[in-house]
Amino acid sequence: MHRPMNLVKSKKRVADHGEVFTPAWMVEAMLDLVKGETERIDSRFLEPACGSGHFLTQVLRRKLAAVELKFGKSGFEKRHYALFALMCTYGIELLMDNIDECRANMLEIFADYLNLEGSDELYQVASYVLSQNLVHGDALTMRTTGGEPITFAEWGYLGKGKFQRRDFRLDVLTQMSAYMEKNPLIACLGKHAIFKPVQTYPPMTVNDLAAVLDDTPKETT
């Protein structure tokens, strides 16, 4: 069963980091404001101070409900779209114990939905995806705790069990997003050139992802 989340871990953490978690009822109310997006499997969510995952876990639950509704009768599609739903959730967190808990909470929800064991290939791939998508770093400086620029993997599902990964630097995406808002006409003409990934990977199956886990650069902490 999904572990409960406390709203305050310690008074010192509140004083040092302003750490107070959002209660469940408020999380649900806030997500309901963008209900349609939370129920889209391919919509991407980034929580810049994700803590233990109060928002992201509920986003994932809603996405998995959409997977069940659309693909519940097809084991193949259910597994792959569930992984894609997980791939579309992102977070940044300054405190190491929080990011560890967030990854564990997300993985537990995903594994419970598909009845996965820790030894299952899909479980291991999901754990790797979470290590890439949930970053131990500072959203204000947009750098990891190791001082490297935060880079996120953009995952796409191509169908027939194949995924596409492209990596983007968060600071570049943020700057360009602001630029596009100020210059919508110019941005529209040049958006494909503006948003250049720092790395693009060939299409990969779950088996391919599992095979290259040890060779793929890991998060710097």
C-alpha atoms as a PDB file:
ATOM      1  CA  MET A   1       0.000   0.000   0.000  1.00  0.00           C
ATOM      2  CA  HIS A   2       1.146   3.552  -0.735  1.00  0.00           C
ATOM      3  CA  ARG A   3       2.887   5.005   2.332  1.00  0.00           C
ATOM      4  CA  PRO A   4       1.275   7.996   4.087  1.00  0.00           C
ATOM      5  CA  MET A   5       2.864  11.438   3.795  1.00  0.00           C
ATOM      6  CA  ASN A   6       3.286  13.815   6.726  1.00  0.00           C
ATOM      7  CA  LEU A   7       2.786  17.531   6.113  1.00  0.00           C
ATOM      8  CA  VAL A   8       5.753  18.550   8.301  1.00  0.00           C
ATOM      9  CA  LYS A   9       8.863  16.452   8.953  1.00  0.00           C
ATOM     10  CA  SER A  10      10.492  18.782  11.467  1.00  0.00           C
ATOM     11  CA  LYS A  11      10.347  22.388  12.622  1.00  0.00           C
ATOM     12  CA  LYS A  12      14.008  22.804  11.667  1.00  0.00           C
ATOM     13  CA  ARG A  13      13.291  21.826   8.072  1.00  0.00           C
ATOM     14  CA  VAL A  14      10.430  24.299   7.984  1.00  0.00           C
ATOM     15  CA  ALA A  15      12.742  27.034   9.279  1.00  0.00           C
ATOM     16  CA  ASP A  16      15.716  26.138   7.080  1.00  0.00           C
ATOM     17  CA  HIS A  17      13.939  25.275   3.846  1.00  0.00           C
ATOM     18  CA  GLY A  18      10.334  26.449   4.213  1.00  0.00           C
ATOM     19  CA  GLU A  19       9.301  22.817   3.885  1.00  0.00           C
ATOM     20  CA  VAL A  20       5.559  22.334   4.426  1.00  0.00           C
ATOM     21  CA  PHE A  21       3.702  19.776   2.327  1.00  0.00           C
ATOM     22  CA  THR A  22       0.334  20.430   0.712  1.00  0.00           C
ATOM     23  CA  PRO A  23      -2.594  18.457   2.237  1.00  0.00           C
ATOM     24  CA  ALA A  24      -4.258  15.857   0.042  1.00  0.00           C
ATOM     25  CA  TRP A  25      -7.591  17.681  -0.260  1.00  0.00           C
ATOM     26  CA  MET A  26      -5.837  20.816  -1.531  1.00  0.00           C
ATOM     27  CA  VAL A  27      -3.748  18.795  -4.003  1.00  0.00           C
ATOM     28  CA  GLU A  28      -6.931  17.313  -5.468  1.00  0.00           C
ATOM     29  CA  ALA A  29      -8.648  20.703  -5.628  1.00  0.00           C
ATOM     30  CA  MET A  30      -5.685  22.274  -7.409  1.00  0.00           C
ATOM     31  CA  LEU A  31      -5.363  19.419  -9.881  1.00  0.00           C
ATOM     32  CA  ASP A  32      -9.075  19.676 -10.618  1.00  0.00           C
ATOM     33  CA  LEU A  33      -8.401  23.184 -11.943  1.00  0.00           C
ATOM     34  CA  VAL A  34      -6.530  21.493 -14.808  1.00  0.00           C
ATOM     35  CA  LYS A  35      -8.524  18.268 -14.720  1.00  0.00           C
ATOM     36  CA  GLY A  36      -8.374  17.666 -18.466  1.00  0.00           C
ATOM     37  CA  GLU A  37      -4.593  17.864 -18.497  1.00  0.00           C
ATOM     38  CA  THR A  38      -4.202  15.537 -15.520  1.00  0.00           C
ATOM     39  CA  GLU A  39      -6.237  12.913 -17.385  1.00  0.00           C
ATOM     40  CA  ARG A  40      -4.170  13.114 -20.570  1.00  0.00           C
ATOM     41  CA  ILE A  41      -1.568  10.372 -20.697  1.00  0.00           C
ATOM     42  CA  ASP A  42       0.854  12.482 -22.738  1.00  0.00           C
ATOM     43  CA  SER A  43       0.572  15.781 -20.829  1.00  0.00           C
ATOM     44  CA  ARG A  44       3.811  16.709 -19.072  1.00  0.00           C
ATOM     45  CA  PHE A  45       3.895  17.926 -15.475  1.00  0.00           C
ATOM     46  CA  LEU A  46       6.896  19.475 -13.695  1.00  0.00           C
ATOM     47  CA  GLU A  47       6.808  20.123  -9.941  1.00  0.00           C
ATOM     48  CA  PRO A  48       9.793  22.403  -9.134  1.00  0.00           C
ATOM     49  CA  ALA A  49       9.722  21.601  -5.401  1.00  0.00           C
ATOM     50  CA  CYS A  50       8.219  18.128  -5.443  1.00  0.00           C
ATOM     51  CA  GLY A  51       9.020  17.039  -1.891  1.00  0.00           C
ATOM     52  CA  SER A  52       7.865  13.465  -1.358  1.00  0.00           C
ATOM     53  CA  GLY A  53       5.504  13.660  -4.300  1.00  0.00           C
ATOM     54  CA  HIS A  54       2.158  14.927  -3.024  1.00  0.00           C
ATOM     55  CA  PHE A  55       1.280  16.393  -6.423  1.00  0.00           C
ATOM     56  CA  LEU A  56       3.160  14.013  -8.708  1.00  0.00           C
ATOM     57  CA  THR A  57       1.749  10.846  -7.168  1.00  0.00           C
ATOM     58  CA  GLN A  58      -1.788  12.085  -7.701  1.00  0.00           C
ATOM     59  CA  VAL A  59      -1.003  13.171 -11.255  1.00  0.00           C
ATOM     60  CA  LEU A  60       0.347   9.684 -11.915  1.00  0.00           C
ATOM     61  CA  ARG A  61      -2.755   8.063 -10.416  1.00  0.00           C
ATOM     62  CA  ARG A  62      -4.974  10.119 -12.720  1.00  0.00           C
ATOM     63  CA  LYS A  63      -2.858   9.296 -15.741  1.00  0.00           C
ATOM     64  CA  LEU A  64      -2.931   5.587 -14.920  1.00  0.00           C
ATOM     65  CA  ALA A  65      -6.709   5.768 -14.586  1.00  0.00           C
ATOM     66  CA  ALA A  66      -6.756   7.154 -18.134  1.00  0.00           C
ATOM     67  CA  VAL A  67      -4.496   4.310 -19.259  1.00  0.00           C
ATOM     68  CA  GLU A  68      -6.860   1.782 -17.719  1.00  0.00           C
ATOM     69  CA  LEU A  69      -9.858   3.383 -19.380  1.00  0.00           C
ATOM     70  CA  LYS A  70      -8.287   3.439 -22.837  1.00  0.00           C
ATOM     71  CA  PHE A  71      -5.966   0.424 -22.854  1.00  0.00           C
ATOM     72  CA  GLY A  72      -6.988  -1.750 -19.912  1.00  0.00           C
ATOM     73  CA  LYS A  73      -8.023  -4.631 -22.169  1.00  0.00           C
ATOM     74  CA  SER A  74      -4.671  -4.801 -23.984  1.00  0.00           C
ATOM     75  CA  GLY A  75      -1.796  -5.991 -21.820  1.00  0.00           C
ATOM     76  CA  PHE A  76       0.853  -4.765 -24.271  1.00  0.00           C
ATOM     77  CA  GLU A  77      -0.596  -1.275 -24.687  1.00  0.00           C
ATOM     78  CA  LYS A  78      -1.444  -1.000 -20.997  1.00  0.00           C
ATOM     79  CA  ARG A  79       2.157  -1.636 -19.952  1.00  0.00           C
ATOM     80  CA  HIS A  80       3.669   0.710 -22.510  1.00  0.00           C
ATOM     81  CA  TYR A  81       1.224   3.560 -21.997  1.00  0.00           C
ATOM     82  CA  ALA A  82       1.573   3.216 -18.222  1.00  0.00           C
ATOM     83  CA  LEU A  83       5.323   3.645 -18.630  1.00  0.00           C
ATOM     84  CA  PHE A  84       4.722   6.617 -20.913  1.00  0.00           C
ATOM     85  CA  ALA A  85       2.455   8.175 -18.273  1.00  0.00           C
ATOM     86  CA  LEU A  86       5.299   7.833 -15.771  1.00  0.00           C
ATOM     87  CA  MET A  87       7.727   9.299 -18.301  1.00  0.00           C
ATOM     88  CA  CYS A  88       5.606  12.448 -18.526  1.00  0.00           C
ATOM     89  CA  THR A  89       5.989  13.383 -14.835  1.00  0.00           C
ATOM     90  CA  TYR A  90       8.948  15.477 -13.667  1.00  0.00           C
ATOM     91  CA  GLY A  91      10.167  16.934 -10.407  1.00  0.00           C
ATOM     92  CA  ILE A  92      13.020  18.827  -8.777  1.00  0.00           C
ATOM     93  CA  GLU A  93      13.760  18.635  -5.067  1.00  0.00           C
ATOM     94  CA  LEU A  94      16.566  20.099  -2.955  1.00  0.00           C
ATOM     95  CA  LEU A  95      16.494  17.594  -0.088  1.00  0.00           C
ATOM     96  CA  MET A  96      17.871  14.131  -0.773  1.00  0.00           C
ATOM     97  CA  ASP A  97      15.545  12.185   1.502  1.00  0.00           C
ATOM     98  CA  ASN A  98      12.546  13.826  -0.151  1.00  0.00           C
ATOM     99  CA  ILE A  99      13.621  12.987  -3.695  1.00  0.00           C
ATOM    100  CA  ASP A 100      14.327   9.406  -2.636  1.00  0.00           C
ATOM    101  CA  GLU A 101      10.845   9.148  -1.120  1.00  0.00           C
ATOM    102  CA  CYS A 102       9.252  10.731  -4.165  1.00  0.00           C
ATOM    103  CA  ARG A 103      10.916   8.228  -6.493  1.00  0.00           C
ATOM    104  CA  ALA A 104       9.919   5.347  -4.225  1.00  0.00           C
ATOM    105  CA  ASN A 105       6.316   6.557  -3.957  1.00  0.00           C
ATOM    106  CA  MET A 106       5.982   6.965  -7.722  1.00  0.00           C
ATOM    107  CA  LEU A 107       7.566   3.581  -8.406  1.00  0.00           C
ATOM    108  CA  GLU A 108       5.285   1.897  -5.886  1.00  0.00           C
ATOM    109  CA  ILE A 109       2.154   3.300  -7.543  1.00  0.00           C
ATOM    110  CA  PHE A 110       3.384   2.258 -10.990  1.00  0.00           C
ATOM    111  CA  ALA A 111       4.411  -1.231  -9.859  1.00  0.00           C
ATOM    112  CA  ASP A 112       1.143  -1.813  -7.977  1.00  0.00           C
ATOM    113  CA  TYR A 113      -0.871  -0.845 -11.047  1.00  0.00           C
ATOM    114  CA  LEU A 114       0.918  -3.391 -13.249  1.00  0.00           C
ATOM    115  CA  ASN A 115       1.558  -5.982 -10.497  1.00  0.00           C
ATOM    116  CA  LEU A 116       5.315  -5.789 -11.031  1.00  0.00           C
ATOM    117  CA  GLU A 117       8.064  -7.324  -8.922  1.00  0.00           C
ATOM    118  CA  GLY A 118      11.422  -5.678  -8.331  1.00  0.00           C
ATOM    119  CA  SER A 119      13.087  -8.196 -10.622  1.00  0.00           C
ATOM    120  CA  ASP A 120      10.817  -7.371 -13.571  1.00  0.00           C
ATOM    121  CA  GLU A 121      12.481  -5.616 -16.480  1.00  0.00           C
ATOM    122  CA  LEU A 122       9.724  -3.002 -16.691  1.00  0.00           C
ATOM    123  CA  TYR A 123      10.128  -2.235 -12.972  1.00  0.00           C
ATOM    124  CA  GLN A 124      13.848  -1.611 -13.455  1.00  0.00           C
ATOM    125  CA  VAL A 125      13.234   0.597 -16.487  1.00  0.00           C
ATOM    126  CA  ALA A 126      10.623   2.590 -14.556  1.00  0.00           C
ATOM    127  CA  SER A 127      13.093   3.059 -11.704  1.00  0.00           C
ATOM    128  CA  TYR A 128      15.651   4.376 -14.180  1.00  0.00           C
ATOM    129  CA  VAL A 129      13.135   6.759 -15.749  1.00  0.00           C
ATOM    130  CA  LEU A 130      12.352   8.163 -12.306  1.00  0.00           C
ATOM    131  CA  SER A 131      16.068   8.665 -11.623  1.00  0.00           C
ATOM    132  CA  GLN A 132      16.194  10.837 -14.730  1.00  0.00           C
ATOM    133  CA  ASN A 133      12.860  12.652 -14.349  1.00  0.00           C
ATOM    134  CA  LEU A 134      13.004  13.371 -10.606  1.00  0.00           C
ATOM    135  CA  VAL A 135      16.123  15.438 -10.068  1.00  0.00           C
ATOM    136  CA  HIS A 136      18.021  16.164  -6.856  1.00  0.00           C
ATOM    137  CA  GLY A 137      18.708  19.858  -7.367  1.00  0.00           C
ATOM    138  CA  ASP A 138      17.611  23.470  -7.008  1.00  0.00           C
ATOM    139  CA  ALA A 139      14.822  24.757  -9.243  1.00  0.00           C
ATOM    140  CA  LEU A 140      15.867  28.374  -8.604  1.00  0.00           C
ATOM    141  CA  THR A 141      19.437  27.944  -9.866  1.00  0.00           C
ATOM    142  CA  MET A 142      18.335  25.212 -12.296  1.00  0.00           C
ATOM    143  CA  ARG A 143      21.334  23.133 -11.297  1.00  0.00           C
ATOM    144  CA  THR A 144      21.774  19.769  -9.627  1.00  0.00           C
ATOM    145  CA  THR A 145      23.259  19.581  -6.156  1.00  0.00           C
ATOM    146  CA  GLY A 146      26.504  18.703  -7.922  1.00  0.00           C
ATOM    147  CA  GLY A 147      26.467  22.043  -9.733  1.00  0.00           C
ATOM    148  CA  GLU A 148      25.587  20.731 -13.188  1.00  0.00           C
ATOM    149  CA  PRO A 149      22.802  22.280 -15.290  1.00  0.00           C
ATOM    150  CA  ILE A 150      19.561  20.350 -14.817  1.00  0.00           C
ATOM    151  CA  THR A 151      18.800  18.338 -17.944  1.00  0.00           C
ATOM    152  CA  PHE A 152      15.480  16.596 -18.461  1.00  0.00           C
ATOM    153  CA  ALA A 153      14.688  13.700 -20.761  1.00  0.00           C
ATOM    154  CA  GLU A 154      11.725  14.311 -23.037  1.00  0.00           C
ATOM    155  CA  TRP A 155      10.171  10.910 -23.650  1.00  0.00           C
ATOM    156  CA  GLY A 156       7.867  10.213 -26.554  1.00  0.00           C
ATOM    157  CA  TYR A 157       5.944   7.051 -27.325  1.00  0.00           C
ATOM    158  CA  LEU A 158       6.154   6.167 -31.011  1.00  0.00           C
ATOM    159  CA  GLY A 159       3.804   3.193 -30.767  1.00  0.00           C
ATOM    160  CA  LYS A 160       4.487  -0.519 -31.221  1.00  0.00           C
ATOM    161  CA  GLY A 161       6.557  -0.593 -28.032  1.00  0.00           C
ATOM    162  CA  LYS A 162       9.128   2.030 -29.070  1.00  0.00           C
ATOM    163  CA  PHE A 163      10.082   5.156 -27.150  1.00  0.00           C
ATOM    164  CA  GLN A 164      12.036   8.217 -28.249  1.00  0.00           C
ATOM    165  CA  ARG A 165      14.254  10.172 -25.855  1.00  0.00           C
ATOM    166  CA  ARG A 166      15.618  13.693 -26.319  1.00  0.00           C
ATOM    167  CA  ASP A 167      17.453  15.604 -23.574  1.00  0.00           C
ATOM    168  CA  PHE A 168      16.954  19.330 -22.975  1.00  0.00           C
ATOM    169  CA  ARG A 169      18.574  21.750 -20.529  1.00  0.00           C
ATOM    170  CA  LEU A 170      16.010  23.294 -18.197  1.00  0.00           C
ATOM    171  CA  ASP A 171      17.598  26.762 -18.226  1.00  0.00           C
ATOM    172  CA  VAL A 172      17.452  26.903 -22.018  1.00  0.00           C
ATOM    173  CA  LEU A 173      13.835  25.752 -22.100  1.00  0.00           C
ATOM    174  CA  THR A 174      12.896  28.362 -19.489  1.00  0.00           C
ATOM    175  CA  GLN A 175      14.646  31.201 -21.323  1.00  0.00           C
ATOM    176  CA  MET A 176      13.155  30.245 -24.647  1.00  0.00           C
ATOM    177  CA  SER A 177       9.689  29.833 -23.175  1.00  0.00           C
ATOM    178  CA  ALA A 178       9.847  33.413 -21.877  1.00  0.00           C
ATOM    179  CA  TYR A 179      11.151  34.588 -25.251  1.00  0.00           C
ATOM    180  CA  MET A 180       8.289  32.903 -27.085  1.00  0.00           C
ATOM    181  CA  GLU A 181       5.744  34.615 -24.843  1.00  0.00           C
ATOM    182  CA  LYS A 182       7.231  38.031 -25.636  1.00  0.00           C
ATOM    183  CA  ASN A 183       7.768  37.324 -29.332  1.00  0.00           C
ATOM    184  CA  PRO A 184       5.008  34.891 -30.412  1.00  0.00           C
ATOM    185  CA  LEU A 185       5.347  35.562 -34.145  1.00  0.00           C
ATOM    186  CA  ILE A 186       9.135  35.201 -34.277  1.00  0.00           C
ATOM    187  CA  ALA A 187       9.034  32.234 -31.902  1.00  0.00           C
ATOM    188  CA  CYS A 188       6.465  30.496 -34.082  1.00  0.00           C
ATOM    189  CA  LEU A 189       8.722  30.839 -37.113  1.00  0.00           C
ATOM    190  CA  GLY A 190      11.822  29.622 -35.333  1.00  0.00           C
ATOM    191  CA  LYS A 191      10.613  27.305 -32.602  1.00  0.00           C
ATOM    192  CA  HIS A 192      12.019  24.152 -34.181  1.00  0.00           C
ATOM    193  CA  ALA A 193      15.488  25.682 -34.320  1.00  0.00           C
ATOM    194  CA  ILE A 194      15.208  27.252 -30.850  1.00  0.00           C
ATOM    195  CA  PHE A 195      14.411  24.098 -28.920  1.00  0.00           C
ATOM    196  CA  LYS A 196      17.399  21.989 -29.895  1.00  0.00           C
ATOM    197  CA  PRO A 197      18.049  18.957 -27.699  1.00  0.00           C
ATOM    198  CA  VAL A 198      21.490  18.496 -26.197  1.00  0.00           C
ATOM    199  CA  GLN A 199      21.241  14.810 -27.060  1.00  0.00           C
ATOM    200  CA  THR A 200      18.916  12.622 -29.103  1.00  0.00           C
ATOM    201  CA  TYR A 201      18.717   8.854 -28.731  1.00  0.00           C
ATOM    202  CA  PRO A 202      17.557   6.276 -31.270  1.00  0.00           C
ATOM    203  CA  PRO A 203      14.085   4.757 -30.737  1.00  0.00           C
ATOM    204  CA  MET A 204      14.220   2.158 -27.946  1.00  0.00           C
ATOM    205  CA  THR A 205      12.006  -0.630 -26.669  1.00  0.00           C
ATOM    206  CA  VAL A 206      11.717  -1.487 -22.980  1.00  0.00           C
ATOM    207  CA  ASN A 207      14.218  -4.259 -23.630  1.00  0.00           C
ATOM    208  CA  ASP A 208      16.600  -1.794 -25.269  1.00  0.00           C
ATOM    209  CA  LEU A 209      16.252   0.602 -22.341  1.00  0.00           C
ATOM    210  CA  ALA A 210      16.996  -2.177 -19.871  1.00  0.00           C
ATOM    211  CA  ALA A 211      20.055  -3.238 -21.871  1.00  0.00           C
ATOM    212  CA  VAL A 212      21.661   0.215 -21.873  1.00  0.00           C
ATOM    213  CA  LEU A 213      20.934   1.330 -18.314  1.00  0.00           C
ATOM    214  CA  ASP A 214      24.518   0.809 -17.172  1.00  0.00           C
ATOM    215  CA  ASP A 215      25.898   2.747 -20.146  1.00  0.00           C
ATOM    216  CA  THR A 216      23.585   5.770 -19.972  1.00  0.00           C
ATOM    217  CA  PRO A 217      24.874   8.826 -18.008  1.00  0.00           C
ATOM    218  CA  LYS A 218      23.399   8.933 -14.526  1.00  0.00           C
ATOM    219  CA  GLU A 219      22.170  11.954 -12.568  1.00  0.00           C
ATOM    220  CA  THR A 220      24.887  14.024 -10.918  1.00  0.00           C
ATOM    221  CA  THR A 221      24.162  14.689  -7.257  1.00  0.00           C
END
